[in-house]
Amino acid sequence: MYLKILSLPLLAAALLTLAGCSTPTVVTLQNGTQYLTKDAPQTHSADGFYEFKDISGKQVRVKASDVATVKPKD
């Protein structure tokens, strides 16, 4: 019985923690194209590209010099 009472608040805390991990982000390119992502993109890799998945799940790779801004979604 004690285990059931204790596990419910721990489960709720774990779910809230996981929900807070995602940060929707807008990546705007120099030409005005915008990508909405579920999570913040990986900053440019060793070869000079940003890599992220857009909201449809498509993997996108953009040259760092083509990126104008990376901002959290309002």
N, C-alpha and C. Protein backbone atom coordinates (compact mmCIF):
# COMPACT_ATOMS: atom_id res chain seq x y z
N MET A 1 0.82 -1.19 0.00
CA MET A 1 0.00 0.00 0.00
C MET A 1 0.87 1.27 0.00
N TYR A 2 1.87 1.28 0.85
CA TYR A 2 2.76 2.44 0.94
C TYR A 2 3.47 2.67 -0.39
N LEU A 3 3.83 1.57 -1.07
CA LEU A 3 4.51 1.67 -2.35
C LEU A 3 3.62 2.34 -3.39
N LYS A 4 2.33 2.03 -3.41
CA LYS A 4 1.40 2.64 -4.35
C LYS A 4 1.28 4.14 -4.11
N ILE A 5 1.20 4.54 -2.87
CA ILE A 5 1.06 5.94 -2.51
C ILE A 5 2.32 6.72 -2.90
N LEU A 6 3.46 6.12 -2.72
CA LEU A 6 4.73 6.77 -3.02
C LEU A 6 5.01 6.82 -4.53
N SER A 7 4.58 5.80 -5.27
CA SER A 7 4.92 5.73 -6.68
C SER A 7 4.15 6.73 -7.54
N LEU A 8 2.95 7.11 -7.16
CA LEU A 8 2.17 8.05 -7.96
C LEU A 8 2.84 9.43 -8.06
N PRO A 9 3.27 10.05 -6.96
CA PRO A 9 3.96 11.34 -7.09
C PRO A 9 5.30 11.23 -7.84
N LEU A 10 6.00 10.12 -7.68
CA LEU A 10 7.26 9.94 -8.40
C LEU A 10 7.02 9.81 -9.90
N LEU A 11 5.97 9.11 -10.29
CA LEU A 11 5.62 8.98 -11.69
C LEU A 11 5.23 10.33 -12.29
N ALA A 12 4.44 11.11 -11.56
CA ALA A 12 4.04 12.43 -12.02
C ALA A 12 5.27 13.34 -12.19
N ALA A 13 6.19 13.30 -11.26
CA ALA A 13 7.40 14.12 -11.35
C ALA A 13 8.25 13.71 -12.55
N ALA A 14 8.35 12.42 -12.81
CA ALA A 14 9.13 11.95 -13.96
C ALA A 14 8.50 12.41 -15.27
N LEU A 15 7.20 12.34 -15.39
CA LEU A 15 6.53 12.79 -16.61
C LEU A 15 6.69 14.29 -16.84
N LEU A 16 6.60 15.07 -15.77
CA LEU A 16 6.78 16.52 -15.90
C LEU A 16 8.22 16.86 -16.31
N THR A 17 9.16 16.12 -15.79
CA THR A 17 10.56 16.34 -16.15
C THR A 17 10.80 16.04 -17.62
N LEU A 18 10.25 14.94 -18.11
CA LEU A 18 10.42 14.58 -19.52
C LEU A 18 9.71 15.56 -20.44
N ALA A 19 8.57 16.06 -20.04
CA ALA A 19 7.84 17.02 -20.87
C ALA A 19 8.61 18.33 -21.01
N GLY A 20 9.39 18.68 -20.04
CA GLY A 20 10.14 19.93 -20.07
C GLY A 20 11.42 19.86 -20.90
N CYS A 21 11.79 18.69 -21.38
CA CYS A 21 13.04 18.53 -22.13
C CYS A 21 12.95 19.06 -23.56
N SER A 22 11.80 19.07 -24.12
CA SER A 22 11.64 19.49 -25.51
C SER A 22 11.52 21.00 -25.61
N THR A 23 12.25 21.59 -26.53
CA THR A 23 12.23 23.04 -26.73
C THR A 23 11.95 23.33 -28.20
N PRO A 24 10.68 23.58 -28.56
CA PRO A 24 10.39 23.91 -29.96
C PRO A 24 11.20 25.13 -30.39
N THR A 25 11.81 25.04 -31.57
CA THR A 25 12.72 26.06 -32.05
C THR A 25 12.41 26.42 -33.50
N VAL A 26 12.61 27.69 -33.84
CA VAL A 26 12.46 28.15 -35.22
C VAL A 26 13.85 28.45 -35.77
N VAL A 27 14.20 27.77 -36.85
CA VAL A 27 15.47 28.01 -37.54
C VAL A 27 15.15 28.80 -38.80
N THR A 28 15.68 30.01 -38.90
CA THR A 28 15.43 30.88 -40.06
C THR A 28 16.70 30.97 -40.88
N LEU A 29 16.55 30.73 -42.18
CA LEU A 29 17.69 30.80 -43.10
C LEU A 29 17.82 32.20 -43.67
N GLN A 30 18.95 32.48 -44.30
CA GLN A 30 19.23 33.78 -44.89
C GLN A 30 18.19 34.14 -45.97
N ASN A 31 17.63 33.13 -46.66
CA ASN A 31 16.67 33.39 -47.72
C ASN A 31 15.24 33.52 -47.21
N GLY A 32 15.03 33.45 -45.89
CA GLY A 32 13.72 33.61 -45.30
C GLY A 32 12.99 32.32 -44.99
N THR A 33 13.50 31.19 -45.44
CA THR A 33 12.89 29.90 -45.15
C THR A 33 12.96 29.63 -43.65
N GLN A 34 11.86 29.14 -43.09
CA GLN A 34 11.84 28.83 -41.66
C GLN A 34 11.52 27.35 -41.46
N TYR A 35 12.21 26.74 -40.51
CA TYR A 35 11.97 25.37 -40.12
C TYR A 35 11.55 25.38 -38.66
N LEU A 36 10.48 24.67 -38.34
CA LEU A 36 10.04 24.50 -36.96
C LEU A 36 10.50 23.13 -36.50
N THR A 37 11.23 23.08 -35.40
CA THR A 37 11.77 21.83 -34.90
C THR A 37 11.16 21.50 -33.54
N LYS A 38 11.17 20.23 -33.18
CA LYS A 38 10.67 19.81 -31.87
C LYS A 38 11.67 20.14 -30.78
N ASP A 39 12.94 20.00 -31.10
CA ASP A 39 14.02 20.25 -30.14
C ASP A 39 15.01 21.23 -30.75
N ALA A 40 15.83 21.81 -29.90
CA ALA A 40 16.86 22.72 -30.39
C ALA A 40 17.82 21.94 -31.28
N PRO A 41 18.21 22.50 -32.42
CA PRO A 41 19.11 21.77 -33.32
C PRO A 41 20.51 21.66 -32.75
N GLN A 42 21.20 20.63 -33.23
CA GLN A 42 22.61 20.50 -32.84
C GLN A 42 23.35 21.65 -33.51
N THR A 43 24.15 22.35 -32.73
CA THR A 43 24.92 23.44 -33.33
C THR A 43 25.86 22.86 -34.35
N HIS A 44 26.39 23.72 -35.17
CA HIS A 44 27.10 23.20 -36.33
C HIS A 44 28.13 22.16 -35.97
N SER A 45 28.11 21.13 -36.78
CA SER A 45 29.01 20.01 -36.59
C SER A 45 30.40 20.36 -37.09
N ALA A 46 31.30 19.40 -37.03
CA ALA A 46 32.69 19.63 -37.43
C ALA A 46 32.80 20.04 -38.89
N ASP A 47 31.83 19.61 -39.71
CA ASP A 47 31.90 19.96 -41.13
C ASP A 47 31.12 21.23 -41.47
N GLY A 48 30.64 21.98 -40.45
CA GLY A 48 30.03 23.28 -40.67
C GLY A 48 28.55 23.27 -41.03
N PHE A 49 27.80 22.28 -40.54
CA PHE A 49 26.38 22.18 -40.83
C PHE A 49 25.57 22.14 -39.53
N TYR A 50 24.33 22.64 -39.59
CA TYR A 50 23.35 22.43 -38.53
C TYR A 50 22.56 21.19 -38.92
N GLU A 51 22.27 20.34 -37.94
CA GLU A 51 21.48 19.14 -38.20
C GLU A 51 20.31 19.10 -37.23
N PHE A 52 19.11 18.85 -37.76
CA PHE A 52 17.91 18.77 -36.92
C PHE A 52 16.81 18.05 -37.67
N LYS A 53 15.76 17.67 -36.93
CA LYS A 53 14.55 17.10 -37.52
C LYS A 53 13.46 18.16 -37.44
N ASP A 54 12.76 18.37 -38.56
CA ASP A 54 11.65 19.32 -38.52
C ASP A 54 10.44 18.64 -37.88
N ILE A 55 9.33 19.35 -37.74
CA ILE A 55 8.19 18.81 -37.01
C ILE A 55 7.54 17.62 -37.73
N SER A 56 7.80 17.45 -39.02
CA SER A 56 7.27 16.29 -39.73
C SER A 56 8.17 15.07 -39.58
N GLY A 57 9.33 15.24 -38.95
CA GLY A 57 10.24 14.13 -38.71
C GLY A 57 11.33 14.01 -39.76
N LYS A 58 11.36 14.91 -40.73
CA LYS A 58 12.36 14.88 -41.80
C LYS A 58 13.70 15.40 -41.28
N GLN A 59 14.77 14.66 -41.55
CA GLN A 59 16.11 15.08 -41.16
C GLN A 59 16.56 16.21 -42.09
N VAL A 60 16.98 17.34 -41.52
CA VAL A 60 17.41 18.51 -42.30
C VAL A 60 18.85 18.82 -41.94
N ARG A 61 19.63 19.15 -42.97
CA ARG A 61 21.04 19.51 -42.79
C ARG A 61 21.28 20.79 -43.57
N VAL A 62 21.69 21.86 -42.87
CA VAL A 62 21.84 23.17 -43.48
C VAL A 62 23.23 23.71 -43.17
N LYS A 63 23.85 24.34 -44.18
CA LYS A 63 25.16 24.95 -43.95
C LYS A 63 25.01 26.06 -42.90
N ALA A 64 25.95 26.14 -42.00
CA ALA A 64 25.91 27.13 -40.92
C ALA A 64 25.89 28.55 -41.47
N SER A 65 26.53 28.79 -42.59
CA SER A 65 26.56 30.13 -43.17
C SER A 65 25.21 30.53 -43.74
N ASP A 66 24.31 29.57 -43.99
CA ASP A 66 22.98 29.86 -44.51
C ASP A 66 21.97 30.16 -43.40
N VAL A 67 22.33 29.91 -42.14
CA VAL A 67 21.42 30.10 -41.02
C VAL A 67 21.51 31.54 -40.53
N ALA A 68 20.33 32.21 -40.48
CA ALA A 68 20.29 33.59 -39.98
C ALA A 68 20.08 33.59 -38.47
N THR A 69 19.03 32.89 -37.99
CA THR A 69 18.74 32.85 -36.55
C THR A 69 18.24 31.48 -36.13
N VAL A 70 18.46 31.18 -34.85
CA VAL A 70 17.92 29.99 -34.19
C VAL A 70 17.32 30.48 -32.90
N LYS A 71 15.97 30.52 -32.82
CA LYS A 71 15.30 31.07 -31.64
C LYS A 71 14.24 30.11 -31.14
N PRO A 72 14.02 30.07 -29.82
CA PRO A 72 12.91 29.29 -29.28
C PRO A 72 11.59 29.83 -29.83
N LYS A 73 10.66 28.92 -30.07
CA LYS A 73 9.36 29.33 -30.61
C LYS A 73 8.61 30.13 -29.55
N ASP A 74 7.97 31.22 -29.97
CA ASP A 74 7.21 32.06 -29.05
C ASP A 74 5.88 31.45 -28.72
